[in-house]
């Protein structure tokens, strides 16, 4: 997916920051054995999630990220993009319901 198309989709959704969502995110990440540490913060209407993995590789990052998506996504739709850097693997994800209400997450995955 093109970054411009993703940006257009980001603008069409009404985002919510919710304490219950943050708890759901925390519970999901705590349940994944390869996660050694994580932090969840919010900035405006975006969740920022930093995850450190014990066994860091693209395959493991994908597995952990997709577990998170499966656990948290809404029924209306979910889209995400991935970017690899020299020191991390980053994802941006939006998920929404039929009324175009949802949440937006920015992930940064790193090794220990």
PDB file of N, CA and C in Angstrom:
ATOM      1  N   UNK A   1       0.842  -1.168   0.000  1.00  0.00           N
ATOM      2  CA  UNK A   1       0.000   0.000   0.000  1.00  0.00           C
ATOM      3  C   UNK A   1       0.886   1.229   0.000  1.00  0.00           C
ATOM      4  N   UNK A   2       0.554   2.157  -0.802  1.00  0.00           N
ATOM      5  CA  UNK A   2       1.253   3.422  -0.939  1.00  0.00           C
ATOM      6  C   UNK A   2       1.028   4.294   0.308  1.00  0.00           C
ATOM      7  N   UNK A   3       2.061   4.982   0.763  1.00  0.00           N
ATOM      8  CA  UNK A   3       1.973   5.840   1.958  1.00  0.00           C
ATOM      9  C   UNK A   3       0.905   6.917   1.796  1.00  0.00           C
ATOM     10  N   UNK A   4       0.718   7.449   0.586  1.00  0.00           N
ATOM     11  CA  UNK A   4      -0.293   8.478   0.334  1.00  0.00           C
ATOM     12  C   UNK A   4      -1.700   7.910   0.501  1.00  0.00           C
ATOM     13  N   UNK A   5      -1.944   6.707  -0.003  1.00  0.00           N
ATOM     14  CA  UNK A   5      -3.242   6.051   0.157  1.00  0.00           C
ATOM     15  C   UNK A   5      -3.501   5.791   1.639  1.00  0.00           C
ATOM     16  N   UNK A   6      -2.485   5.335   2.342  1.00  0.00           N
ATOM     17  CA  UNK A   6      -2.611   5.094   3.777  1.00  0.00           C
ATOM     18  C   UNK A   6      -2.960   6.399   4.489  1.00  0.00           C
ATOM     19  N   UNK A   7      -2.289   7.484   4.147  1.00  0.00           N
ATOM     20  CA  UNK A   7      -2.554   8.783   4.769  1.00  0.00           C
ATOM     21  C   UNK A   7      -3.990   9.234   4.526  1.00  0.00           C
ATOM     22  N   UNK A   8      -4.501   8.992   3.332  1.00  0.00           N
ATOM     23  CA  UNK A   8      -5.895   9.337   3.040  1.00  0.00           C
ATOM     24  C   UNK A   8      -6.846   8.531   3.920  1.00  0.00           C
ATOM     25  N   UNK A   9      -6.563   7.256   4.096  1.00  0.00           N
ATOM     26  CA  UNK A   9      -7.395   6.412   4.948  1.00  0.00           C
ATOM     27  C   UNK A   9      -7.333   6.888   6.400  1.00  0.00           C
ATOM     28  N   UNK A  10      -6.149   7.266   6.849  1.00  0.00           N
ATOM     29  CA  UNK A  10      -5.970   7.750   8.219  1.00  0.00           C
ATOM     30  C   UNK A  10      -6.893   8.936   8.481  1.00  0.00           C
ATOM     31  N   UNK A  11      -7.031   9.803   7.509  1.00  0.00           N
ATOM     32  CA  UNK A  11      -7.841  11.007   7.676  1.00  0.00           C
ATOM     33  C   UNK A  11      -9.342  10.737   7.657  1.00  0.00           C
ATOM     34  N   UNK A  12      -9.769   9.591   7.152  1.00  0.00           N
ATOM     35  CA  UNK A  12     -11.198   9.270   7.050  1.00  0.00           C
ATOM     36  C   UNK A  12     -11.770   8.594   8.294  1.00  0.00           C
ATOM     37  N   UNK A  13     -10.947   8.265   9.264  1.00  0.00           N
ATOM     38  CA  UNK A  13     -11.389   7.511  10.433  1.00  0.00           C
ATOM     39  C   UNK A  13     -11.451   8.443  11.648  1.00  0.00           C
ATOM     40  N   UNK A  14     -12.450   8.228  12.493  1.00  0.00           N
ATOM     41  CA  UNK A  14     -12.551   8.951  13.765  1.00  0.00           C
ATOM     42  C   UNK A  14     -11.882   8.076  14.834  1.00  0.00           C
ATOM     43  N   UNK A  15     -10.780   8.580  15.408  1.00  0.00           N
ATOM     44  CA  UNK A  15      -9.998   7.795  16.356  1.00  0.00           C
ATOM     45  C   UNK A  15     -10.410   8.053  17.779  1.00  0.00           C
ATOM     46  N   UNK A  16     -10.199   7.027  18.581  1.00  0.00           N
ATOM     47  CA  UNK A  16     -10.488   7.139  20.002  1.00  0.00           C
ATOM     48  C   UNK A  16      -9.298   6.642  20.801  1.00  0.00           C
ATOM     49  N   UNK A  17      -9.050   7.312  21.904  1.00  0.00           N
ATOM     50  CA  UNK A  17      -8.074   6.859  22.881  1.00  0.00           C
ATOM     51  C   UNK A  17      -8.902   6.407  24.074  1.00  0.00           C
ATOM     52  N   UNK A  18      -8.683   5.186  24.512  1.00  0.00           N
ATOM     53  CA  UNK A  18      -9.533   4.593  25.531  1.00  0.00           C
ATOM     54  C   UNK A  18      -8.665   3.775  26.486  1.00  0.00           C
ATOM     55  N   UNK A  19      -8.872   3.959  27.773  1.00  0.00           N
ATOM     56  CA  UNK A  19      -8.114   3.223  28.778  1.00  0.00           C
ATOM     57  C   UNK A  19      -8.313   1.711  28.598  1.00  0.00           C
ATOM     58  N   UNK A  20      -9.524   1.292  28.256  1.00  0.00           N
ATOM     59  CA  UNK A  20      -9.790  -0.130  28.070  1.00  0.00           C
ATOM     60  C   UNK A  20      -8.991  -0.702  26.902  1.00  0.00           C
ATOM     61  N   UNK A  21      -8.832   0.081  25.832  1.00  0.00           N
ATOM     62  CA  UNK A  21      -8.012  -0.369  24.702  1.00  0.00           C
ATOM     63  C   UNK A  21      -6.565  -0.554  25.133  1.00  0.00           C
ATOM     64  N   UNK A  22      -6.063   0.396  25.897  1.00  0.00           N
ATOM     65  CA  UNK A  22      -4.680   0.313  26.363  1.00  0.00           C
ATOM     66  C   UNK A  22      -4.476  -0.948  27.212  1.00  0.00           C
ATOM     67  N   UNK A  23      -5.459  -1.281  28.029  1.00  0.00           N
ATOM     68  CA  UNK A  23      -5.393  -2.500  28.842  1.00  0.00           C
ATOM     69  C   UNK A  23      -5.419  -3.732  27.938  1.00  0.00           C
ATOM     70  N   UNK A  24      -6.261  -3.704  26.894  1.00  0.00           N
ATOM     71  CA  UNK A  24      -6.324  -4.817  25.948  1.00  0.00           C
ATOM     72  C   UNK A  24      -4.981  -4.986  25.230  1.00  0.00           C
ATOM     73  N   UNK A  25      -4.369  -3.877  24.820  1.00  0.00           N
ATOM     74  CA  UNK A  25      -3.059  -3.934  24.165  1.00  0.00           C
ATOM     75  C   UNK A  25      -2.028  -4.549  25.110  1.00  0.00           C
ATOM     76  N   UNK A  26      -2.033  -4.073  26.355  1.00  0.00           N
ATOM     77  CA  UNK A  26      -1.083  -4.571  27.355  1.00  0.00           C
ATOM     78  C   UNK A  26      -1.257  -6.071  27.572  1.00  0.00           C
ATOM     79  N   UNK A  27      -2.505  -6.506  27.729  1.00  0.00           N
ATOM     80  CA  UNK A  27      -2.773  -7.928  27.948  1.00  0.00           C
ATOM     81  C   UNK A  27      -2.309  -8.774  26.764  1.00  0.00           C
ATOM     82  N   UNK A  28      -2.536  -8.271  25.565  1.00  0.00           N
ATOM     83  CA  UNK A  28      -2.096  -8.990  24.368  1.00  0.00           C
ATOM     84  C   UNK A  28      -0.583  -9.140  24.360  1.00  0.00           C
ATOM     85  N   UNK A  29       0.141  -8.047  24.551  1.00  0.00           N
ATOM     86  CA  UNK A  29       1.602  -8.087  24.490  1.00  0.00           C
ATOM     87  C   UNK A  29       2.206  -8.900  25.634  1.00  0.00           C
ATOM     88  N   UNK A  30       1.596  -8.837  26.822  1.00  0.00           N
ATOM     89  CA  UNK A  30       2.083  -9.640  27.949  1.00  0.00           C
ATOM     90  C   UNK A  30       1.949 -11.134  27.672  1.00  0.00           C
ATOM     91  N   UNK A  31       0.990 -11.512  26.850  1.00  0.00           N
ATOM     92  CA  UNK A  31       0.753 -12.919  26.567  1.00  0.00           C
ATOM     93  C   UNK A  31       1.642 -13.516  25.493  1.00  0.00           C
ATOM     94  N   UNK A  32       2.516 -12.724  24.902  1.00  0.00           N
ATOM     95  CA  UNK A  32       3.404 -13.204  23.836  1.00  0.00           C
ATOM     96  C   UNK A  32       4.784 -13.441  24.439  1.00  0.00           C
ATOM     97  N   UNK A  33       5.227 -14.705  24.441  1.00  0.00           N
ATOM     98  CA  UNK A  33       6.452 -15.068  25.158  1.00  0.00           C
ATOM     99  C   UNK A  33       7.730 -14.443  24.603  1.00  0.00           C
ATOM    100  N   UNK A  34       7.782 -14.084  23.352  1.00  0.00           N
ATOM    101  CA  UNK A  34       8.987 -13.497  22.780  1.00  0.00           C
ATOM    102  C   UNK A  34       9.142 -12.013  23.124  1.00  0.00           C
ATOM    103  N   UNK A  35       8.129 -11.400  23.674  1.00  0.00           N
ATOM    104  CA  UNK A  35       8.194  -9.980  24.041  1.00  0.00           C
ATOM    105  C   UNK A  35       8.935  -9.860  25.366  1.00  0.00           C
ATOM    106  N   UNK A  36      10.073  -9.163  25.351  1.00  0.00           N
ATOM    107  CA  UNK A  36      10.837  -8.994  26.589  1.00  0.00           C
ATOM    108  C   UNK A  36      10.441  -7.711  27.315  1.00  0.00           C
ATOM    109  N   UNK A  37       9.982  -6.704  26.582  1.00  0.00           N
ATOM    110  CA  UNK A  37       9.605  -5.435  27.184  1.00  0.00           C
ATOM    111  C   UNK A  37       8.756  -4.661  26.185  1.00  0.00           C
ATOM    112  N   UNK A  38       7.890  -3.801  26.689  1.00  0.00           N
ATOM    113  CA  UNK A  38       7.110  -2.940  25.804  1.00  0.00           C
ATOM    114  C   UNK A  38       6.655  -1.710  26.569  1.00  0.00           C
ATOM    115  N   UNK A  39       6.315  -0.684  25.816  1.00  0.00           N
ATOM    116  CA  UNK A  39       5.709   0.512  26.399  1.00  0.00           C
ATOM    117  C   UNK A  39       4.600   0.973  25.470  1.00  0.00           C
ATOM    118  N   UNK A  40       3.571   1.536  26.077  1.00  0.00           N
ATOM    119  CA  UNK A  40       2.426   2.041  25.325  1.00  0.00           C
ATOM    120  C   UNK A  40       2.184   3.473  25.786  1.00  0.00           C
ATOM    121  N   UNK A  41       2.210   4.400  24.847  1.00  0.00           N
ATOM    122  CA  UNK A  41       1.918   5.787  25.166  1.00  0.00           C
ATOM    123  C   UNK A  41       0.947   6.335  24.113  1.00  0.00           C
ATOM    124  N   UNK A  42       0.440   7.514  24.376  1.00  0.00           N
ATOM    125  CA  UNK A  42      -0.447   8.152  23.406  1.00  0.00           C
ATOM    126  C   UNK A  42       0.061   9.549  23.101  1.00  0.00           C
ATOM    127  N   UNK A  43      -0.131   9.930  21.877  1.00  0.00           N
ATOM    128  CA  UNK A  43       0.211  11.273  21.423  1.00  0.00           C
ATOM    129  C   UNK A  43      -0.912  11.708  20.501  1.00  0.00           C
ATOM    130  N   UNK A  44      -1.644  12.720  20.934  1.00  0.00           N
ATOM    131  CA  UNK A  44      -2.864  13.134  20.243  1.00  0.00           C
ATOM    132  C   UNK A  44      -3.792  11.925  20.160  1.00  0.00           C
ATOM    133  N   UNK A  45      -4.182  11.492  18.990  1.00  0.00           N
ATOM    134  CA  UNK A  45      -5.098  10.351  18.862  1.00  0.00           C
ATOM    135  C   UNK A  45      -4.393   9.084  18.393  1.00  0.00           C
ATOM    136  N   UNK A  46      -3.096   8.980  18.656  1.00  0.00           N
ATOM    137  CA  UNK A  46      -2.307   7.858  18.168  1.00  0.00           C
ATOM    138  C   UNK A  46      -1.673   7.112  19.350  1.00  0.00           C
ATOM    139  N   UNK A  47      -1.799   5.784  19.317  1.00  0.00           N
ATOM    140  CA  UNK A  47      -1.089   4.938  20.270  1.00  0.00           C
ATOM    141  C   UNK A  47       0.313   4.699  19.726  1.00  0.00           C
ATOM    142  N   UNK A  48       1.314   4.892  20.560  1.00  0.00           N
ATOM    143  CA  UNK A  48       2.700   4.598  20.188  1.00  0.00           C
ATOM    144  C   UNK A  48       3.150   3.421  21.038  1.00  0.00           C
ATOM    145  N   UNK A  49       3.521   2.353  20.345  1.00  0.00           N
ATOM    146  CA  UNK A  49       3.862   1.117  21.036  1.00  0.00           C
ATOM    147  C   UNK A  49       5.282   0.708  20.662  1.00  0.00           C
ATOM    148  N   UNK A  50       6.146   0.616  21.667  1.00  0.00           N
ATOM    149  CA  UNK A  50       7.515   0.164  21.467  1.00  0.00           C
ATOM    150  C   UNK A  50       7.606  -1.249  22.035  1.00  0.00           C
ATOM    151  N   UNK A  51       8.135  -2.171  21.238  1.00  0.00           N
ATOM    152  CA  UNK A  51       8.227  -3.567  21.647  1.00  0.00           C
ATOM    153  C   UNK A  51       9.664  -4.047  21.464  1.00  0.00           C
ATOM    154  N   UNK A  52      10.221  -4.644  22.504  1.00  0.00           N
ATOM    155  CA  UNK A  52      11.533  -5.292  22.416  1.00  0.00           C
ATOM    156  C   UNK A  52      11.306  -6.795  22.438  1.00  0.00           C
ATOM    157  N   UNK A  53      11.974  -7.479  21.505  1.00  0.00           N
ATOM    158  CA  UNK A  53      11.845  -8.930  21.393  1.00  0.00           C
ATOM    159  C   UNK A  53      13.122  -9.624  21.837  1.00  0.00           C
ATOM    160  N   UNK A  54      12.965 -10.767  22.476  1.00  0.00           N
ATOM    161  CA  UNK A  54      14.123 -11.573  22.866  1.00  0.00           C
ATOM    162  C   UNK A  54      14.839 -12.099  21.626  1.00  0.00           C
ATOM    163  N   UNK A  55      14.054 -12.647  20.709  1.00  0.00           N
ATOM    164  CA  UNK A  55      14.583 -13.180  19.443  1.00  0.00           C
ATOM    165  C   UNK A  55      14.079 -12.275  18.329  1.00  0.00           C
ATOM    166  N   UNK A  56      14.925 -11.354  17.915  1.00  0.00           N
ATOM    167  CA  UNK A  56      14.549 -10.313  16.967  1.00  0.00           C
ATOM    168  C   UNK A  56      14.912 -10.724  15.538  1.00  0.00           C
ATOM    169  N   UNK A  57      13.901 -10.818  14.706  1.00  0.00           N
ATOM    170  CA  UNK A  57      14.090 -11.050  13.273  1.00  0.00           C
ATOM    171  C   UNK A  57      12.817 -10.562  12.583  1.00  0.00           C
ATOM    172  N   UNK A  58      12.878 -10.382  11.292  1.00  0.00           N
ATOM    173  CA  UNK A  58      11.690  -9.949  10.558  1.00  0.00           C
ATOM    174  C   UNK A  58      10.549 -10.945  10.742  1.00  0.00           C
ATOM    175  N   UNK A  59      10.842 -12.223  10.688  1.00  0.00           N
ATOM    176  CA  UNK A  59       9.814 -13.234  10.863  1.00  0.00           C
ATOM    177  C   UNK A  59       9.153 -13.174  12.229  1.00  0.00           C
ATOM    178  N   UNK A  60       9.959 -12.978  13.277  1.00  0.00           N
ATOM    179  CA  UNK A  60       9.401 -12.878  14.631  1.00  0.00           C
ATOM    180  C   UNK A  60       8.589 -11.600  14.812  1.00  0.00           C
ATOM    181  N   UNK A  61       9.073 -10.497  14.246  1.00  0.00           N
ATOM    182  CA  UNK A  61       8.318  -9.245  14.323  1.00  0.00           C
ATOM    183  C   UNK A  61       6.966  -9.416  13.641  1.00  0.00           C
ATOM    184  N   UNK A  62       6.954 -10.020  12.468  1.00  0.00           N
ATOM    185  CA  UNK A  62       5.690 -10.253  11.760  1.00  0.00           C
ATOM    186  C   UNK A  62       4.754 -11.119  12.596  1.00  0.00           C
ATOM    187  N   UNK A  63       5.287 -12.155  13.199  1.00  0.00           N
ATOM    188  CA  UNK A  63       4.454 -13.061  14.010  1.00  0.00           C
ATOM    189  C   UNK A  63       3.829 -12.313  15.182  1.00  0.00           C
ATOM    190  N   UNK A  64       4.621 -11.528  15.890  1.00  0.00           N
ATOM    191  CA  UNK A  64       4.124 -10.775  17.041  1.00  0.00           C
ATOM    192  C   UNK A  64       3.114  -9.725  16.584  1.00  0.00           C
ATOM    193  N   UNK A  65       3.447  -8.992  15.526  1.00  0.00           N
ATOM    194  CA  UNK A  65       2.533  -7.958  15.035  1.00  0.00           C
ATOM    195  C   UNK A  65       1.197  -8.567  14.604  1.00  0.00           C
ATOM    196  N   UNK A  66       1.235  -9.662  13.865  1.00  0.00           N
ATOM    197  CA  UNK A  66      -0.010 -10.274  13.407  1.00  0.00           C
ATOM    198  C   UNK A  66      -0.816 -10.867  14.559  1.00  0.00           C
ATOM    199  N   UNK A  67      -0.166 -11.328  15.597  1.00  0.00           N
ATOM    200  CA  UNK A  67      -0.884 -11.762  16.798  1.00  0.00           C
ATOM    201  C   UNK A  67      -1.627 -10.582  17.419  1.00  0.00           C
ATOM    202  N   UNK A  68      -0.959  -9.432  17.470  1.00  0.00           N
ATOM    203  CA  UNK A  68      -1.580  -8.221  17.995  1.00  0.00           C
ATOM    204  C   UNK A  68      -2.789  -7.833  17.137  1.00  0.00           C
ATOM    205  N   UNK A  69      -2.614  -7.836  15.819  1.00  0.00           N
ATOM    206  CA  UNK A  69      -3.708  -7.473  14.912  1.00  0.00           C
ATOM    207  C   UNK A  69      -4.896  -8.406  15.123  1.00  0.00           C
ATOM    208  N   UNK A  70      -4.634  -9.687  15.156  1.00  0.00           N
ATOM    209  CA  UNK A  70      -5.708 -10.672  15.323  1.00  0.00           C
ATOM    210  C   UNK A  70      -6.460 -10.453  16.634  1.00  0.00           C
ATOM    211  N   UNK A  71      -5.747 -10.072  17.672  1.00  0.00           N
ATOM    212  CA  UNK A  71      -6.337  -9.880  19.000  1.00  0.00           C
ATOM    213  C   UNK A  71      -7.143  -8.591  19.105  1.00  0.00           C
ATOM    214  N   UNK A  72      -6.783  -7.548  18.323  1.00  0.00           N
ATOM    215  CA  UNK A  72      -7.350  -6.214  18.544  1.00  0.00           C
ATOM    216  C   UNK A  72      -8.170  -5.640  17.392  1.00  0.00           C
ATOM    217  N   UNK A  73      -8.100  -6.203  16.212  1.00  0.00           N
ATOM    218  CA  UNK A  73      -8.709  -5.526  15.062  1.00  0.00           C
ATOM    219  C   UNK A  73     -10.236  -5.475  15.133  1.00  0.00           C
ATOM    220  N   UNK A  74     -10.783  -4.430  14.503  1.00  0.00           N
ATOM    221  CA  UNK A  74     -12.226  -4.227  14.407  1.00  0.00           C
ATOM    222  C   UNK A  74     -12.736  -4.858  13.106  1.00  0.00           C
ATOM    223  N   UNK A  75     -14.032  -5.070  13.048  1.00  0.00           N
ATOM    224  CA  UNK A  75     -14.630  -5.806  11.924  1.00  0.00           C
ATOM    225  C   UNK A  75     -14.769  -4.995  10.638  1.00  0.00           C
ATOM    226  N   UNK A  76     -14.724  -3.668  10.704  1.00  0.00           N
ATOM    227  CA  UNK A  76     -14.900  -2.851   9.499  1.00  0.00           C
ATOM    228  C   UNK A  76     -13.725  -2.900   8.550  1.00  0.00           C
ATOM    229  N   UNK A  77     -12.528  -3.004   9.106  1.00  0.00           N
ATOM    230  CA  UNK A  77     -11.334  -3.091   8.271  1.00  0.00           C
ATOM    231  C   UNK A  77     -10.080  -2.802   9.056  1.00  0.00           C
ATOM    232  N   UNK A  78      -8.978  -3.289   8.541  1.00  0.00           N
ATOM    233  CA  UNK A  78      -7.666  -3.066   9.140  1.00  0.00           C
ATOM    234  C   UNK A  78      -6.666  -2.904   8.008  1.00  0.00           C
ATOM    235  N   UNK A  79      -5.864  -1.865   8.092  1.00  0.00           N
ATOM    236  CA  UNK A  79      -4.785  -1.677   7.122  1.00  0.00           C
ATOM    237  C   UNK A  79      -3.511  -1.319   7.889  1.00  0.00           C
ATOM    238  N   UNK A  80      -2.385  -1.702   7.317  1.00  0.00           N
ATOM    239  CA  UNK A  80      -1.117  -1.377   7.952  1.00  0.00           C
ATOM    240  C   UNK A  80      -0.030  -1.307   6.891  1.00  0.00           C
ATOM    241  N   UNK A  81       1.033  -0.615   7.251  1.00  0.00           N
ATOM    242  CA  UNK A  81       2.224  -0.556   6.404  1.00  0.00           C
ATOM    243  C   UNK A  81       3.436  -0.833   7.297  1.00  0.00           C
ATOM    244  N   UNK A  82       4.481  -1.382   6.684  1.00  0.00           N
ATOM    245  CA  UNK A  82       5.705  -1.706   7.427  1.00  0.00           C
ATOM    246  C   UNK A  82       6.874  -0.964   6.791  1.00  0.00           C
ATOM    247  N   UNK A  83       7.789  -0.523   7.651  1.00  0.00           N
ATOM    248  CA  UNK A  83       9.017   0.118   7.181  1.00  0.00           C
ATOM    249  C   UNK A  83      10.175  -0.444   7.987  1.00  0.00           C
ATOM    250  N   UNK A  84      11.202  -0.898   7.294  1.00  0.00           N
ATOM    251  CA  UNK A  84      12.413  -1.391   7.960  1.00  0.00           C
ATOM    252  C   UNK A  84      13.435  -0.260   8.010  1.00  0.00           C
ATOM    253  N   UNK A  85      14.061  -0.088   9.172  1.00  0.00           N
ATOM    254  CA  UNK A  85      15.161   0.859   9.294  1.00  0.00           C
ATOM    255  C   UNK A  85      16.405   0.072   9.682  1.00  0.00           C
ATOM    256  N   UNK A  86      17.515   0.751   9.872  1.00  0.00           N
ATOM    257  CA  UNK A  86      18.757   0.080  10.272  1.00  0.00           C
ATOM    258  C   UNK A  86      18.660  -0.527  11.669  1.00  0.00           C
ATOM    259  N   UNK A  87      17.829   0.060  12.532  1.00  0.00           N
ATOM    260  CA  UNK A  87      17.788  -0.366  13.930  1.00  0.00           C
ATOM    261  C   UNK A  87      16.433  -0.900  14.393  1.00  0.00           C
ATOM    262  N   UNK A  88      15.424  -0.827  13.529  1.00  0.00           N
ATOM    263  CA  UNK A  88      14.086  -1.241  13.971  1.00  0.00           C
ATOM    264  C   UNK A  88      13.216  -1.637  12.780  1.00  0.00           C
ATOM    265  N   UNK A  89      12.081  -2.218  13.118  1.00  0.00           N
ATOM    266  CA  UNK A  89      11.024  -2.487  12.137  1.00  0.00           C
ATOM    267  C   UNK A  89       9.796  -1.762  12.660  1.00  0.00           C
ATOM    268  N   UNK A  90       9.211  -0.926  11.823  1.00  0.00           N
ATOM    269  CA  UNK A  90       8.103  -0.083  12.250  1.00  0.00           C
ATOM    270  C   UNK A  90       6.841  -0.405  11.449  1.00  0.00           C
ATOM    271  N   UNK A  91       5.717  -0.357  12.134  1.00  0.00           N
ATOM    272  CA  UNK A  91       4.413  -0.532  11.509  1.00  0.00           C
ATOM    273  C   UNK A  91       3.526   0.645  11.877  1.00  0.00           C
ATOM    274  N   UNK A  92       2.662   1.011  10.946  1.00  0.00           N
ATOM    275  CA  UNK A  92       1.543   1.897  11.236  1.00  0.00           C
ATOM    276  C   UNK A  92       0.299   1.094  10.920  1.00  0.00           C
ATOM    277  N   UNK A  93      -0.666   1.127  11.823  1.00  0.00           N
ATOM    278  CA  UNK A  93      -1.875   0.304  11.685  1.00  0.00           C
ATOM    279  C   UNK A  93      -3.095   1.135  12.034  1.00  0.00           C
ATOM    280  N   UNK A  94      -4.134   1.022  11.220  1.00  0.00           N
ATOM    281  CA  UNK A  94      -5.436   1.562  11.579  1.00  0.00           C
ATOM    282  C   UNK A  94      -6.455   0.442  11.462  1.00  0.00           C
ATOM    283  N   UNK A  95      -7.398   0.447  12.378  1.00  0.00           N
ATOM    284  CA  UNK A  95      -8.498  -0.502  12.315  1.00  0.00           C
ATOM    285  C   UNK A  95      -9.762   0.244  12.715  1.00  0.00           C
ATOM    286  N   UNK A  96     -10.884  -0.145  12.116  1.00  0.00           N
ATOM    287  CA  UNK A  96     -12.110   0.627  12.311  1.00  0.00           C
ATOM    288  C   UNK A  96     -13.335  -0.265  12.184  1.00  0.00           C
ATOM    289  N   UNK A  97     -14.456   0.245  12.710  1.00  0.00           N
ATOM    290  CA  UNK A  97     -15.721  -0.473  12.603  1.00  0.00           C
ATOM    291  C   UNK A  97     -16.523   0.059  11.412  1.00  0.00           C
ATOM    292  N   UNK A  98     -17.744  -0.410  11.253  1.00  0.00           N
ATOM    293  CA  UNK A  98     -18.580  -0.008  10.113  1.00  0.00           C
ATOM    294  C   UNK A  98     -18.900   1.488  10.123  1.00  0.00           C
ATOM    295  N   UNK A  99     -18.843   2.121  11.292  1.00  0.00           N
ATOM    296  CA  UNK A  99     -19.121   3.557  11.411  1.00  0.00           C
ATOM    297  C   UNK A  99     -17.869   4.415  11.253  1.00  0.00           C
ATOM    298  N   UNK A 100     -16.765   3.788  10.814  1.00  0.00           N
ATOM    299  CA  UNK A 100     -15.473   4.465  10.618  1.00  0.00           C
ATOM    300  C   UNK A 100     -14.932   5.065  11.911  1.00  0.00           C
ATOM    301  N   UNK A 101     -15.155   4.356  13.011  1.00  0.00           N
ATOM    302  CA  UNK A 101     -14.549   4.717  14.286  1.00  0.00           C
ATOM    303  C   UNK A 101     -13.552   3.620  14.631  1.00  0.00           C
ATOM    304  N   UNK A 102     -12.389   4.018  15.106  1.00  0.00           N
ATOM    305  CA  UNK A 102     -11.379   3.010  15.383  1.00  0.00           C
ATOM    306  C   UNK A 102     -10.188   3.567  16.110  1.00  0.00           C
ATOM    307  N   UNK A 103      -9.040   2.911  15.913  1.00  0.00           N
ATOM    308  CA  UNK A 103      -7.818   3.396  16.542  1.00  0.00           C
ATOM    309  C   UNK A 103      -6.644   3.290  15.564  1.00  0.00           C
ATOM    310  N   UNK A 104      -5.627   4.062  15.881  1.00  0.00           N
ATOM    311  CA  UNK A 104      -4.429   4.206  15.055  1.00  0.00           C
ATOM    312  C   UNK A 104      -3.233   3.914  15.951  1.00  0.00           C
ATOM    313  N   UNK A 105      -2.378   2.987  15.518  1.00  0.00           N
ATOM    314  CA  UNK A 105      -1.186   2.611  16.288  1.00  0.00           C
ATOM    315  C   UNK A 105       0.065   2.773  15.437  1.00  0.00           C
ATOM    316  N   UNK A 106       1.120   3.244  16.070  1.00  0.00           N
ATOM    317  CA  UNK A 106       2.450   3.271  15.464  1.00  0.00           C
ATOM    318  C   UNK A 106       3.341   2.384  16.334  1.00  0.00           C
ATOM    319  N   UNK A 107       3.915   1.363  15.715  1.00  0.00           N
ATOM    320  CA  UNK A 107       4.756   0.387  16.414  1.00  0.00           C
ATOM    321  C   UNK A 107       6.223   0.598  16.057  1.00  0.00           C
ATOM    322  N   UNK A 108       7.074   0.317  17.018  1.00  0.00           N
ATOM    323  CA  UNK A 108       8.508   0.264  16.781  1.00  0.00           C
ATOM    324  C   UNK A 108       9.002  -1.011  17.452  1.00  0.00           C
ATOM    325  N   UNK A 109       9.493  -1.964  16.659  1.00  0.00           N
ATOM    326  CA  UNK A 109      10.017  -3.234  17.167  1.00  0.00           C
ATOM    327  C   UNK A 109      11.541  -3.188  17.138  1.00  0.00           C
ATOM    328  N   UNK A 110      12.138  -3.619  18.252  1.00  0.00           N
ATOM    329  CA  UNK A 110      13.595  -3.671  18.353  1.00  0.00           C
ATOM    330  C   UNK A 110      13.998  -4.950  19.053  1.00  0.00           C
ATOM    331  N   UNK A 111      15.274  -5.300  18.889  1.00  0.00           N
ATOM    332  CA  UNK A 111      15.830  -6.410  19.654  1.00  0.00           C
ATOM    333  C   UNK A 111      16.192  -5.938  21.056  1.00  0.00           C
ATOM    334  N   UNK A 112      16.524  -6.879  21.903  1.00  0.00           N
ATOM    335  CA  UNK A 112      16.883  -6.522  23.286  1.00  0.00           C
ATOM    336  C   UNK A 112      17.852  -5.431  23.284  1.00  0.00           C
TER     337      UNK A 112
END
